[in-house]
PDB file of N, CA and C in Angstrom:
ATOM      1  N   MET A   1       1.158  -1.425  -0.001  1.00  0.00           N
ATOM      2  CA  MET A   1       0.445  -0.169   0.227  1.00  0.00           C
ATOM      3  C   MET A   1       0.923   1.030  -0.384  1.00  0.00           C
ATOM      4  N   LYS A   2       0.391   2.415  -0.815  1.00  0.00           N
ATOM      5  CA  LYS A   2       1.276   3.432  -0.910  1.00  0.00           C
ATOM      6  C   LYS A   2       1.245   4.224   0.099  1.00  0.00           C
ATOM      7  N   LYS A   3       1.889   5.154   0.546  1.00  0.00           N
ATOM      8  CA  LYS A   3       1.685   6.297   1.538  1.00  0.00           C
ATOM      9  C   LYS A   3       1.439   6.931   1.480  1.00  0.00           C
ATOM     10  N   LYS A   4       0.863   8.573   1.212  1.00  0.00           N
ATOM     11  CA  LYS A   4       0.695   9.466   0.680  1.00  0.00           C
ATOM     12  C   LYS A   4       2.194  10.294   1.966  1.00  0.00           C
ATOM     13  N   VAL A   5       2.799  11.330   1.063  1.00  0.00           N
ATOM     14  CA  VAL A   5       4.177  11.777   1.402  1.00  0.00           C
ATOM     15  C   VAL A   5       4.262  13.379   1.420  1.00  0.00           C
ATOM     16  N   ILE A   6       3.933  13.716   2.959  1.00  0.00           N
ATOM     17  CA  ILE A   6       4.107  15.068   3.021  1.00  0.00           C
ATOM     18  C   ILE A   6       5.332  15.653   3.307  1.00  0.00           C
ATOM     19  N   THR A   7       6.218  16.926   2.697  1.00  0.00           N
ATOM     20  CA  THR A   7       7.190  17.573   1.638  1.00  0.00           C
ATOM     21  C   THR A   7       7.098  18.752   2.572  1.00  0.00           C
ATOM     22  N   ILE A   8       8.002  19.462   3.168  1.00  0.00           N
ATOM     23  CA  ILE A   8       8.518  20.937   3.528  1.00  0.00           C
ATOM     24  C   ILE A   8       9.888  21.581   3.194  1.00  0.00           C
ATOM     25  N   ASP A   9       9.888  21.986   2.319  1.00  0.00           N
ATOM     26  CA  ASP A   9      10.571  22.454   1.267  1.00  0.00           C
ATOM     27  C   ASP A   9      11.167  24.127   2.805  1.00  0.00           C
ATOM     28  N   TYR A  10      11.976  24.495   3.140  1.00  0.00           N
ATOM     29  CA  TYR A  10      12.523  24.808   3.971  1.00  0.00           C
ATOM     30  C   TYR A  10      13.569  26.779   2.992  1.00  0.00           C
ATOM     31  N   TYR A  11      13.245  26.299   1.551  1.00  0.00           N
ATOM     32  CA  TYR A  11      13.928  27.219   1.215  1.00  0.00           C
ATOM     33  C   TYR A  11      11.991  27.598   0.165  1.00  0.00           C
ATOM     34  N   GLY A  12      11.314  27.539   0.365  1.00  0.00           N
ATOM     35  CA  GLY A  12      10.326  28.454   0.138  1.00  0.00           C
ATOM     36  C   GLY A  12      10.189  28.972  -0.049  1.00  0.00           C
ATOM     37  N   THR A  13       9.333  29.432  -0.005  1.00  0.00           N
ATOM     38  CA  THR A  13       8.631  31.916   0.023  1.00  0.00           C
ATOM     39  C   THR A  13       7.075  31.288   0.130  1.00  0.00           C
ATOM     40  N   THR A  14       6.091  30.682  -0.190  1.00  0.00           N
ATOM     41  CA  THR A  14       5.272  31.374  -0.219  1.00  0.00           C
ATOM     42  C   THR A  14       4.596  29.422  -0.047  1.00  0.00           C
ATOM     43  N   ARG A  15       3.432  29.915   1.049  1.00  0.00           N
ATOM     44  CA  ARG A  15       2.806  28.074   1.376  1.00  0.00           C
ATOM     45  C   ARG A  15       2.521  27.295   0.208  1.00  0.00           C
ATOM     46  N   GLU A  16       1.779  27.160  -0.215  1.00  0.00           N
ATOM     47  CA  GLU A  16       2.350  26.136  -1.410  1.00  0.00           C
ATOM     48  C   GLU A  16       3.971  25.936  -1.715  1.00  0.00           C
ATOM     49  N   GLU A  17       4.676  26.878  -2.031  1.00  0.00           N
ATOM     50  CA  GLU A  17       6.122  26.144  -1.578  1.00  0.00           C
ATOM     51  C   GLU A  17       6.825  25.189  -1.323  1.00  0.00           C
ATOM     52  N   VAL A  18       6.351  25.707   0.383  1.00  0.00           N
ATOM     53  CA  VAL A  18       6.890  25.800   1.165  1.00  0.00           C
ATOM     54  C   VAL A  18       6.083  24.035   1.300  1.00  0.00           C
ATOM     55  N   PHE A  19       4.994  23.999   2.210  1.00  0.00           N
ATOM     56  CA  PHE A  19       3.976  22.112   1.882  1.00  0.00           C
ATOM     57  C   PHE A  19       3.186  21.379   0.675  1.00  0.00           C
ATOM     58  N   LYS A  20       3.489  20.433   0.762  1.00  0.00           N
ATOM     59  CA  LYS A  20       3.680  19.680  -0.533  1.00  0.00           C
ATOM     60  C   LYS A  20       2.525  17.532   0.019  1.00  0.00           C
ATOM     61  N   THR A  21       2.331  17.005  -1.020  1.00  0.00           N
ATOM     62  CA  THR A  21       1.086  15.966  -0.614  1.00  0.00           C
ATOM     63  C   THR A  21       1.421  15.735  -2.249  1.00  0.00           C
ATOM     64  N   PHE A  22       2.368  14.406  -2.191  1.00  0.00           N
ATOM     65  CA  PHE A  22       2.756  12.843  -3.021  1.00  0.00           C
ATOM     66  C   PHE A  22       2.005  12.362  -2.956  1.00  0.00           C
ATOM     67  N   GLU A  23       1.465  11.297  -2.895  1.00  0.00           N
ATOM     68  CA  GLU A  23       0.555  10.576  -3.359  1.00  0.00           C
ATOM     69  C   GLU A  23       1.677   8.788  -2.669  1.00  0.00           C
ATOM     70  N   SER A  24       2.744   9.030  -2.886  1.00  0.00           N
ATOM     71  CA  SER A  24       3.978   8.102  -2.113  1.00  0.00           C
ATOM     72  C   SER A  24       5.242   8.306  -2.518  1.00  0.00           C
ATOM     73  N   ALA A  25       6.042   7.698  -2.083  1.00  0.00           N
ATOM     74  CA  ALA A  25       7.057   8.330  -1.601  1.00  0.00           C
ATOM     75  C   ALA A  25       7.695   8.914  -3.121  1.00  0.00           C
ATOM     76  N   LYS A  26       7.926   7.221  -3.855  1.00  0.00           N
ATOM     77  CA  LYS A  26       8.582   7.502  -5.330  1.00  0.00           C
ATOM     78  C   LYS A  26       7.509   8.688  -5.861  1.00  0.00           C
ATOM     79  N   ASP A  27       6.851   9.449  -6.039  1.00  0.00           N
ATOM     80  CA  ASP A  27       6.147  10.623  -6.474  1.00  0.00           C
ATOM     81  C   ASP A  27       7.438  11.600  -6.397  1.00  0.00           C
ATOM     82  N   ALA A  28       7.277  11.852  -4.394  1.00  0.00           N
ATOM     83  CA  ALA A  28       8.780  12.663  -3.729  1.00  0.00           C
ATOM     84  C   ALA A  28       9.846  12.999  -5.004  1.00  0.00           C
ATOM     85  N   SER A  29       9.466  11.282  -4.270  1.00  0.00           N
ATOM     86  CA  SER A  29      11.659  11.203  -5.509  1.00  0.00           C
ATOM     87  C   SER A  29      11.441  12.173  -6.343  1.00  0.00           C
ATOM     88  N   GLU A  30      10.514  11.868  -7.210  1.00  0.00           N
ATOM     89  CA  GLU A  30      10.955  11.512  -8.716  1.00  0.00           C
ATOM     90  C   GLU A  30      10.385  13.623  -8.402  1.00  0.00           C
ATOM     91  N   TYR A  31      10.101  13.946  -7.366  1.00  0.00           N
ATOM     92  CA  TYR A  31       9.426  15.276  -8.056  1.00  0.00           C
ATOM     93  C   TYR A  31      10.704  16.318  -7.806  1.00  0.00           C
ATOM     94  N   TYR A  32      11.498  15.217  -6.341  1.00  0.00           N
ATOM     95  CA  TYR A  32      12.992  16.612  -5.839  1.00  0.00           C
ATOM     96  C   TYR A  32      14.121  15.225  -6.438  1.00  0.00           C
ATOM     97  N   LYS A  33      14.013  14.715  -7.206  1.00  0.00           N
ATOM     98  CA  LYS A  33      15.274  14.120  -7.589  1.00  0.00           C
ATOM     99  C   LYS A  33      16.578  13.526  -6.975  1.00  0.00           C
ATOM    100  N   VAL A  34      15.853  13.277  -6.065  1.00  0.00           N
ATOM    101  CA  VAL A  34      16.308  12.492  -4.656  1.00  0.00           C
ATOM    102  C   VAL A  34      16.108  11.093  -4.940  1.00  0.00           C
ATOM    103  N   SER A  35      16.359   9.938  -4.839  1.00  0.00           N
ATOM    104  CA  SER A  35      16.753   8.118  -4.829  1.00  0.00           C
ATOM    105  C   SER A  35      15.792   8.576  -4.301  1.00  0.00           C
ATOM    106  N   TYR A  36      15.090   7.169  -4.083  1.00  0.00           N
ATOM    107  CA  TYR A  36      13.343   6.996  -3.442  1.00  0.00           C
ATOM    108  C   TYR A  36      13.786   6.044  -2.181  1.00  0.00           C
ATOM    109  N   ASP A  37      14.822   5.899  -2.609  1.00  0.00           N
ATOM    110  CA  ASP A  37      15.400   4.801  -0.502  1.00  0.00           C
ATOM    111  C   ASP A  37      15.490   6.066  -0.204  1.00  0.00           C
ATOM    112  N   SER A  38      15.978   6.793  -0.281  1.00  0.00           N
ATOM    113  CA  SER A  38      16.502   8.640   0.137  1.00  0.00           C
ATOM    114  C   SER A  38      15.808   9.017   1.361  1.00  0.00           C
ATOM    115  N   VAL A  39      14.606   9.426  -0.279  1.00  0.00           N
ATOM    116  CA  VAL A  39      13.570   9.578   0.615  1.00  0.00           C
ATOM    117  C   VAL A  39      12.409   8.860   1.402  1.00  0.00           C
ATOM    118  N   LYS A  40      12.434   7.034   1.048  1.00  0.00           N
ATOM    119  CA  LYS A  40      11.743   6.475   1.881  1.00  0.00           C
ATOM    120  C   LYS A  40      12.078   6.955   3.554  1.00  0.00           C
ATOM    121  N   LYS A  41      13.949   6.784   3.155  1.00  0.00           N
ATOM    122  CA  LYS A  41      14.722   6.510   5.225  1.00  0.00           C
ATOM    123  C   LYS A  41      13.996   7.732   5.331  1.00  0.00           C
ATOM    124  N   ALA A  42      14.322   8.675   5.023  1.00  0.00           N
ATOM    125  CA  ALA A  42      13.933   9.885   4.758  1.00  0.00           C
ATOM    126  C   ALA A  42      12.927  10.484   6.019  1.00  0.00           C
ATOM    127  N   CYS A  43      12.045   9.380   6.191  1.00  0.00           N
ATOM    128  CA  CYS A  43      10.112   9.113   5.871  1.00  0.00           C
ATOM    129  C   CYS A  43       9.935   8.457   7.305  1.00  0.00           C
ATOM    130  N   LYS A  44      11.071   7.351   7.722  1.00  0.00           N
ATOM    131  CA  LYS A  44      10.731   6.251   8.771  1.00  0.00           C
ATOM    132  C   LYS A  44      12.007   7.461   9.426  1.00  0.00           C
ATOM    133  N   SER A  45      12.276   7.900   9.447  1.00  0.00           N
ATOM    134  CA  SER A  45      13.647   8.529  10.853  1.00  0.00           C
ATOM    135  C   SER A  45      12.894   9.926  10.816  1.00  0.00           C
ATOM    136  N   SER A  46      13.555   9.962  12.521  1.00  0.00           N
ATOM    137  CA  SER A  46      12.971  10.443  13.222  1.00  0.00           C
ATOM    138  C   SER A  46      13.107  11.922  12.680  1.00  0.00           C
ATOM    139  N   LEU A  47      12.464  13.313  13.201  1.00  0.00           N
ATOM    140  CA  LEU A  47      12.432  14.691  13.164  1.00  0.00           C
ATOM    141  C   LEU A  47      13.295  14.698  12.418  1.00  0.00           C
ATOM    142  N   VAL A  48      14.239  14.232  13.039  1.00  0.00           N
ATOM    143  CA  VAL A  48      16.291  15.185  13.068  1.00  0.00           C
ATOM    144  C   VAL A  48      16.277  14.791  11.750  1.00  0.00           C
ATOM    145  N   GLY A  49      16.493  13.393  11.410  1.00  0.00           N
ATOM    146  CA  GLY A  49      16.485  13.318  10.113  1.00  0.00           C
ATOM    147  C   GLY A  49      15.568  12.682   9.376  1.00  0.00           C
ATOM    148  N   CYS A  50      14.799  13.746   9.392  1.00  0.00           N
ATOM    149  CA  CYS A  50      13.304  13.415   7.909  1.00  0.00           C
ATOM    150  C   CYS A  50      14.429  14.660   6.740  1.00  0.00           C
ATOM    151  N   ARG A  51      15.490  15.130   6.695  1.00  0.00           N
ATOM    152  CA  ARG A  51      15.608  16.294   6.062  1.00  0.00           C
ATOM    153  C   ARG A  51      16.469  15.600   5.652  1.00  0.00           C
ATOM    154  N   ILE A  52      16.088  16.157   3.458  1.00  0.00           N
ATOM    155  CA  ILE A  52      17.391  15.933   3.358  1.00  0.00           C
ATOM    156  C   ILE A  52      17.656  17.402   2.243  1.00  0.00           C
ATOM    157  N   LYS A  53      18.596  18.166   2.531  1.00  0.00           N
ATOM    158  CA  LYS A  53      19.593  18.742   1.930  1.00  0.00           C
ATOM    159  C   LYS A  53      18.076  19.734   2.966  1.00  0.00           C
ATOM    160  N   HIS A  54      17.749  20.785   2.162  1.00  0.00           N
ATOM    161  CA  HIS A  54      16.655  21.433   2.855  1.00  0.00           C
ATOM    162  C   HIS A  54      14.445  20.872   2.849  1.00  0.00           C
ATOM    163  N   ILE A  55      14.523  19.682   2.225  1.00  0.00           N
ATOM    164  CA  ILE A  55      13.202  18.863   2.332  1.00  0.00           C
ATOM    165  C   ILE A  55      12.647  18.440   3.907  1.00  0.00           C
ATOM    166  N   ALA A  56      11.914  18.920   4.202  1.00  0.00           N
ATOM    167  CA  ALA A  56      11.625  17.255   5.032  1.00  0.00           C
ATOM    168  C   ALA A  56      10.638  16.454   5.320  1.00  0.00           C
ATOM    169  N   PHE A  57      10.947  14.792   5.064  1.00  0.00           N
ATOM    170  CA  PHE A  57       9.982  13.737   3.741  1.00  0.00           C
ATOM    171  C   PHE A  57       9.395  13.355   4.753  1.00  0.00           C
ATOM    172  N   LEU A  58       8.090  13.099   5.432  1.00  0.00           N
ATOM    173  CA  LEU A  58       7.304  12.889   6.507  1.00  0.00           C
ATOM    174  C   LEU A  58       5.981  12.354   5.502  1.00  0.00           C
ATOM    175  N   TYR A  59       5.477  11.106   6.536  1.00  0.00           N
ATOM    176  CA  TYR A  59       4.604   9.731   5.456  1.00  0.00           C
ATOM    177  C   TYR A  59       3.557  10.585   6.615  1.00  0.00           C
ATOM    178  N   GLU A  60       2.475  11.297   5.793  1.00  0.00           N
ATOM    179  CA  GLU A  60       1.722  12.033   6.313  1.00  0.00           C
ATOM    180  C   GLU A  60       0.606  10.794   7.527  1.00  0.00           C
ATOM    181  N   GLU A  61       0.813   9.580   7.319  1.00  0.00           N
ATOM    182  CA  GLU A  61      -0.373   8.452   8.356  1.00  0.00           C
ATOM    183  C   GLU A  61       0.725   9.026   9.753  1.00  0.00           C
ATOM    184  N   ASP A  62       1.489   9.269  10.106  1.00  0.00           N
ATOM    185  CA  ASP A  62       2.334   9.559  11.280  1.00  0.00           C
ATOM    186  C   ASP A  62       2.202  10.888  11.421  1.00  0.00           C
ATOM    187  N   TYR A  63       1.481  11.574  11.289  1.00  0.00           N
ATOM    188  CA  TYR A  63       1.671  13.486  11.611  1.00  0.00           C
ATOM    189  C   TYR A  63      -0.167  14.022  10.975  1.00  0.00           C
ATOM    190  N   LYS A  64      -1.276  13.354  11.382  1.00  0.00           N
ATOM    191  CA  LYS A  64      -2.143  13.171  10.195  1.00  0.00           C
ATOM    192  C   LYS A  64      -3.377  14.147  11.162  1.00  0.00           C
ATOM    193  N   ASP A  65      -2.895  14.042  13.017  1.00  0.00           N
ATOM    194  CA  ASP A  65      -3.389  15.144  13.681  1.00  0.00           C
ATOM    195  C   ASP A  65      -2.425  16.039  13.889  1.00  0.00           C
ATOM    196  N   VAL A  66      -1.157  16.732  13.305  1.00  0.00           N
ATOM    197  CA  VAL A  66      -1.167  17.248  13.899  1.00  0.00           C
ATOM    198  C   VAL A  66      -1.515  19.031  12.729  1.00  0.00           C
ATOM    199  N   VAL A  67      -0.905  19.499  12.993  1.00  0.00           N
ATOM    200  CA  VAL A  67      -0.508  21.045  12.321  1.00  0.00           C
ATOM    201  C   VAL A  67       0.068  21.080  11.811  1.00  0.00           C
ATOM    202  N   VAL A  68       0.523  21.377   9.683  1.00  0.00           N
ATOM    203  CA  VAL A  68       2.064  20.866   9.401  1.00  0.00           C
ATOM    204  C   VAL A  68       2.537  22.316   9.534  1.00  0.00           C
ATOM    205  N   ASP A  69       1.896  23.527   9.987  1.00  0.00           N
ATOM    206  CA  ASP A  69       2.600  25.025  10.697  1.00  0.00           C
ATOM    207  C   ASP A  69       3.632  23.879  12.157  1.00  0.00           C
ATOM    208  N   GLU A  70       2.758  23.730  12.353  1.00  0.00           N
ATOM    209  CA  GLU A  70       3.347  22.879  14.038  1.00  0.00           C
ATOM    210  C   GLU A  70       3.933  22.181  13.490  1.00  0.00           C
ATOM    211  N   LEU A  71       4.642  21.006  12.644  1.00  0.00           N
ATOM    212  CA  LEU A  71       6.178  20.529  12.108  1.00  0.00           C
ATOM    213  C   LEU A  71       6.626  20.631  11.700  1.00  0.00           C
ATOM    214  N   TYR A  72       6.394  22.022  10.986  1.00  0.00           N
ATOM    215  CA  TYR A  72       8.059  23.460   9.921  1.00  0.00           C
ATOM    216  C   TYR A  72       8.707  23.637  11.880  1.00  0.00           C
ATOM    217  N   LEU A  73       7.300  23.882  12.967  1.00  0.00           N
ATOM    218  CA  LEU A  73       8.691  24.490  13.287  1.00  0.00           C
ATOM    219  C   LEU A  73       9.755  23.612  14.141  1.00  0.00           C
ATOM    220  N   ASN A  74       8.517  22.421  14.501  1.00  0.00           N
ATOM    221  CA  ASN A  74       9.202  20.924  14.965  1.00  0.00           C
ATOM    222  C   ASN A  74      10.546  20.615  14.899  1.00  0.00           C
ATOM    223  N   ILE A  75      10.446  20.389  13.105  1.00  0.00           N
ATOM    224  CA  ILE A  75      11.487  19.910  12.119  1.00  0.00           C
ATOM    225  C   ILE A  75      12.101  20.875  13.381  1.00  0.00           C
ATOM    226  N   GLN A  76      12.316  21.987  12.486  1.00  0.00           N
ATOM    227  CA  GLN A  76      13.137  22.922  12.879  1.00  0.00           C
ATOM    228  C   GLN A  76      13.862  23.123  14.314  1.00  0.00           C
ATOM    229  N   VAL A  77      13.232  22.659  15.318  1.00  0.00           N
ATOM    230  CA  VAL A  77      13.731  22.911  16.496  1.00  0.00           C
ATOM    231  C   VAL A  77      14.835  22.345  16.930  1.00  0.00           C
ATOM    232  N   ALA A  78      14.197  20.525  16.338  1.00  0.00           N
ATOM    233  CA  ALA A  78      14.456  19.756  16.339  1.00  0.00           C
ATOM    234  C   ALA A  78      16.454  19.018  15.446  1.00  0.00           C
ATOM    235  N   PHE A  79      15.950  19.516  14.642  1.00  0.00           N
ATOM    236  CA  PHE A  79      17.009  19.968  13.550  1.00  0.00           C
ATOM    237  C   PHE A  79      18.343  20.885  14.646  1.00  0.00           C
ATOM    238  N   LEU A  80      18.241  22.112  14.973  1.00  0.00           N
ATOM    239  CA  LEU A  80      18.875  22.573  15.656  1.00  0.00           C
ATOM    240  C   LEU A  80      18.929  22.570  17.025  1.00  0.00           C
ATOM    241  N   GLU A  81      18.625  20.919  18.168  1.00  0.00           N
ATOM    242  CA  GLU A  81      19.261  20.964  19.428  1.00  0.00           C
ATOM    243  C   GLU A  81      19.854  20.026  18.855  1.00  0.00           C
ATOM    244  N   GLU A  82      19.596  19.302  17.647  1.00  0.00           N
ATOM    245  CA  GLU A  82      21.374  17.880  17.577  1.00  0.00           C
ATOM    246  C   GLU A  82      22.139  18.669  16.841  1.00  0.00           C
ATOM    247  N   LYS A  83      22.047  19.713  16.824  1.00  0.00           N
ATOM    248  CA  LYS A  83      23.280  20.994  16.356  1.00  0.00           C
ATOM    249  C   LYS A  83      23.735  20.956  16.980  1.00  0.00           C
ATOM    250  N   VAL A  84      23.194  22.120  17.902  1.00  0.00           N
ATOM    251  CA  VAL A  84      23.737  22.996  19.529  1.00  0.00           C
ATOM    252  C   VAL A  84      24.699  21.836  20.178  1.00  0.00           C
ATOM    253  N   PHE A  85      23.300  20.966  20.909  1.00  0.00           N
ATOM    254  CA  PHE A  85      22.956  20.226  21.668  1.00  0.00           C
ATOM    255  C   PHE A  85      23.620  18.623  21.559  1.00  0.00           C
ATOM    256  N   GLY A  86      23.191  17.729  20.197  1.00  0.00           N
ATOM    257  CA  GLY A  86      24.007  16.832  20.016  1.00  0.00           C
ATOM    258  C   GLY A  86      23.647  15.840  20.512  1.00  0.00           C
ATOM    259  N   LYS A  87      21.781  16.428  20.812  1.00  0.00           N
ATOM    260  CA  LYS A  87      20.872  15.176  21.433  1.00  0.00           C
ATOM    261  C   LYS A  87      20.618  14.622  20.650  1.00  0.00           C
TER     262      LYS A  87
END
């Protein structure tokens, strides 16, 4: 069964550029020209490891109860904590 993928592009300037939803990890990998395996791995990892360069990849079903704006901030905080504190 295909899982929908949410992407958050931290270089986007509009809401439409920042948040996108894809029908599958394969569709997201083709759109961003990233390997399918990398996208699957990012989707399965924690908020710290879900980024590939400036794009976060998440399975929609794992975060269906969370507002995407909140996800944006949570990923950024987790990433910065990892960089600063090595958590």
